[in-house]
C-alpha atoms as a PDB file:
ATOM      1  CA  MET A   1     114.378 147.249 103.494  1.00  0.00           C
ATOM      2  CA  THR A   2     117.673 146.592 101.414  1.00  0.00           C
ATOM      3  CA  THR A   3     118.652 143.462 100.469  1.00  0.00           C
ATOM      4  CA  THR A   4     121.266 142.978 104.187  1.00  0.00           C
ATOM      5  CA  ASP A   5     118.039 144.331 105.860  1.00  0.00           C
ATOM      6  CA  THR A   6     115.599 141.406 104.644  1.00  0.00           C
ATOM      7  CA  ARG A   7     118.117 138.552 105.077  1.00  0.00           C
ATOM      8  CA  SER A   8     119.258 140.222 108.588  1.00  0.00           C
ATOM      9  CA  ALA A   9     115.113 139.738 109.202  1.00  0.00           C
ATOM     10  CA  ILE A  10     115.138 136.434 107.743  1.00  0.00           C
ATOM     11  CA  ALA A  11     117.680 134.949 110.297  1.00  0.00           C
ATOM     12  CA  SER A  12     116.536 136.765 113.522  1.00  0.00           C
ATOM     13  CA  THR A  13     113.095 134.945 112.806  1.00  0.00           C
ATOM     14  CA  GLY A  14     113.723 131.290 111.913  1.00  0.00           C
ATOM     15  CA  TYR A  15     113.710 128.740 109.791  1.00  0.00           C
ATOM     16  CA  ARG A  16     112.276 129.555 105.980  1.00  0.00           C
ATOM     17  CA  LEU A  17     111.117 127.431 103.442  1.00  0.00           C
ATOM     18  CA  ARG A  18     113.376 128.949 100.768  1.00  0.00           C
ATOM     19  CA  LEU A  19     110.434 127.685  97.661  1.00  0.00           C
ATOM     20  CA  PRO A  20     108.306 129.672  97.073  1.00  0.00           C
ATOM     21  CA  GLY A  21     109.400 131.715  99.265  1.00  0.00           C
ATOM     22  CA  PRO A  22     110.601 132.566 101.441  1.00  0.00           C
ATOM     23  CA  THR A  23     107.702 131.221 103.802  1.00  0.00           C
ATOM     24  CA  GLU A  24     107.615 131.079 107.611  1.00  0.00           C
ATOM     25  CA  VAL A  25     107.026 127.626 108.360  1.00  0.00           C
ATOM     26  CA  PRO A  26     105.063 126.901 111.715  1.00  0.00           C
ATOM     27  CA  GLU A  27     106.939 124.817 114.441  1.00  0.00           C
ATOM     28  CA  ARG A  28     103.687 122.324 114.355  1.00  0.00           C
ATOM     29  CA  VAL A  29     104.727 121.525 110.319  1.00  0.00           C
ATOM     30  CA  ARG A  30     108.446 121.380 111.461  1.00  0.00           C
ATOM     31  CA  GLN A  31     107.543 118.813 113.399  1.00  0.00           C
ATOM     32  CA  ALA A  32     105.777 116.893 111.675  1.00  0.00           C
ATOM     33  CA  MET A  33     108.070 116.872 108.775  1.00  0.00           C
ATOM     34  CA  ALA A  34     110.760 115.450 111.209  1.00  0.00           C
ATOM     35  CA  ARG A  35     108.289 112.821 111.689  1.00  0.00           C
ATOM     36  CA  VAL A  36     109.952 108.988 110.243  1.00  0.00           C
ATOM     37  CA  MET A  37     108.119 108.500 106.499  1.00  0.00           C
ATOM     38  CA  VAL A  38     105.688 105.581 106.775  1.00  0.00           C
ATOM     39  CA  ASN A  39     107.119 102.792 103.898  1.00  0.00           C
ATOM     40  CA  HIS A  40     104.757 102.427 101.337  1.00  0.00           C
ATOM     41  CA  ARG A  41     105.347  98.979 101.271  1.00  0.00           C
ATOM     42  CA  GLY A  42     105.054  98.057 104.604  1.00  0.00           C
ATOM     43  CA  PRO A  43     102.226  97.262 107.115  1.00  0.00           C
ATOM     44  CA  GLU A  44     101.445 101.166 108.479  1.00  0.00           C
ATOM     45  CA  CYS A  45     100.710 102.191 104.346  1.00  0.00           C
ATOM     46  CA  ARG A  46      98.299  99.127 103.859  1.00  0.00           C
ATOM     47  CA  THR A  47      96.300  99.913 106.926  1.00  0.00           C
ATOM     48  CA  ALA A  48      96.150 103.488 106.147  1.00  0.00           C
ATOM     49  CA  ILE A  49      94.763 102.847 102.255  1.00  0.00           C
ATOM     50  CA  GLY A  50      92.329  99.736 104.068  1.00  0.00           C
ATOM     51  CA  GLU A  51      90.950 102.284 106.725  1.00  0.00           C
ATOM     52  CA  ALA A  52      90.669 104.778 103.891  1.00  0.00           C
ATOM     53  CA  GLU A  53      88.638 102.568 101.783  1.00  0.00           C
ATOM     54  CA  GLU A  54      86.308 101.493 104.260  1.00  0.00           C
ATOM     55  CA  MET A  55      84.844 105.385 104.523  1.00  0.00           C
ATOM     56  CA  ILE A  56      85.819 105.883 100.883  1.00  0.00           C
ATOM     57  CA  ARG A  57      82.936 102.989  99.850  1.00  0.00           C
ATOM     58  CA  PRO A  58      78.918 104.457 101.409  1.00  0.00           C
ATOM     59  CA  ILE A  59      80.820 108.232  99.422  1.00  0.00           C
ATOM     60  CA  LEU A  60      80.970 106.193  96.090  1.00  0.00           C
ATOM     61  CA  GLY A  61      78.305 104.205  96.684  1.00  0.00           C
ATOM     62  CA  THR A  62      79.432 100.236  96.627  1.00  0.00           C
ATOM     63  CA  THR A  63      80.384  98.005  98.750  1.00  0.00           C
ATOM     64  CA  ASN A  64      82.554  96.486  95.694  1.00  0.00           C
ATOM     65  CA  HIS A  65      86.390  96.981  96.761  1.00  0.00           C
ATOM     66  CA  VAL A  66      87.724 100.992  95.297  1.00  0.00           C
ATOM     67  CA  LEU A  67      91.533 101.142  93.331  1.00  0.00           C
ATOM     68  CA  PHE A  68      93.917 104.152  94.405  1.00  0.00           C
ATOM     69  CA  PHE A  69      95.941 104.964  91.646  1.00  0.00           C
ATOM     70  CA  ALA A  70      98.389 107.020  93.459  1.00  0.00           C
ATOM     71  CA  SER A  71      99.792 109.267  90.310  1.00  0.00           C
ATOM     72  CA  SER A  72      98.580 112.232  88.197  1.00  0.00           C
ATOM     73  CA  GLY A  73      94.801 112.058  86.329  1.00  0.00           C
ATOM     74  CA  PRO A  74      95.829 110.980  83.283  1.00  0.00           C
ATOM     75  CA  ALA A  75      98.514 108.424  84.456  1.00  0.00           C
ATOM     76  CA  SER A  76      94.934 106.485  85.839  1.00  0.00           C
ATOM     77  CA  TRP A  77      93.290 106.606  82.514  1.00  0.00           C
ATOM     78  CA  ARG A  78      96.642 104.706  80.741  1.00  0.00           C
ATOM     79  CA  PRO A  79      95.485 101.117  81.950  1.00  0.00           C
ATOM     80  CA  ARG A  80      90.937 102.030  81.340  1.00  0.00           C
ATOM     81  CA  SER A  81      91.518 103.567  77.779  1.00  0.00           C
ATOM     82  CA  SER A  82      93.915 100.170  76.907  1.00  0.00           C
ATOM     83  CA  THR A  83      90.981  97.731  76.892  1.00  0.00           C
ATOM     84  CA  TRP A  84      88.862 100.170  75.036  1.00  0.00           C
ATOM     85  CA  PRO A  85      87.791  98.302  71.587  1.00  0.00           C
ATOM     86  CA  ASP A  86      89.619  99.871  68.432  1.00  0.00           C
ATOM     87  CA  ARG A  87      86.944 101.139  66.500  1.00  0.00           C
ATOM     88  CA  ALA A  88      88.995 101.836  63.698  1.00  0.00           C
ATOM     89  CA  ALA A  89      89.583  97.838  63.653  1.00  0.00           C
ATOM     90  CA  GLY A  90      85.614  97.777  63.559  1.00  0.00           C
ATOM     91  CA  SER A  91      85.114  96.950  67.262  1.00  0.00           C
ATOM     92  CA  SER A  92      82.056  98.117  68.640  1.00  0.00           C
END
């Protein structure tokens, strides 16, 4: 298939995601991507996080609050590691 044939094939089949691409994007995914995003500081997000917390408590075996970190794994360790005792200073 030539470059021109490839371009024609892509153009005739409709929308394609270009990364890592080209990848066909199903219509249901395109429709989901077209929806308005939930504000991460809004009441809808608070409600969703509250529901997620209620569902995950039994899985974690706790009745305490669960803290969600919206970051990478190492970023979630930083607050904890900053409270660890400094062994070099002789703390235990």
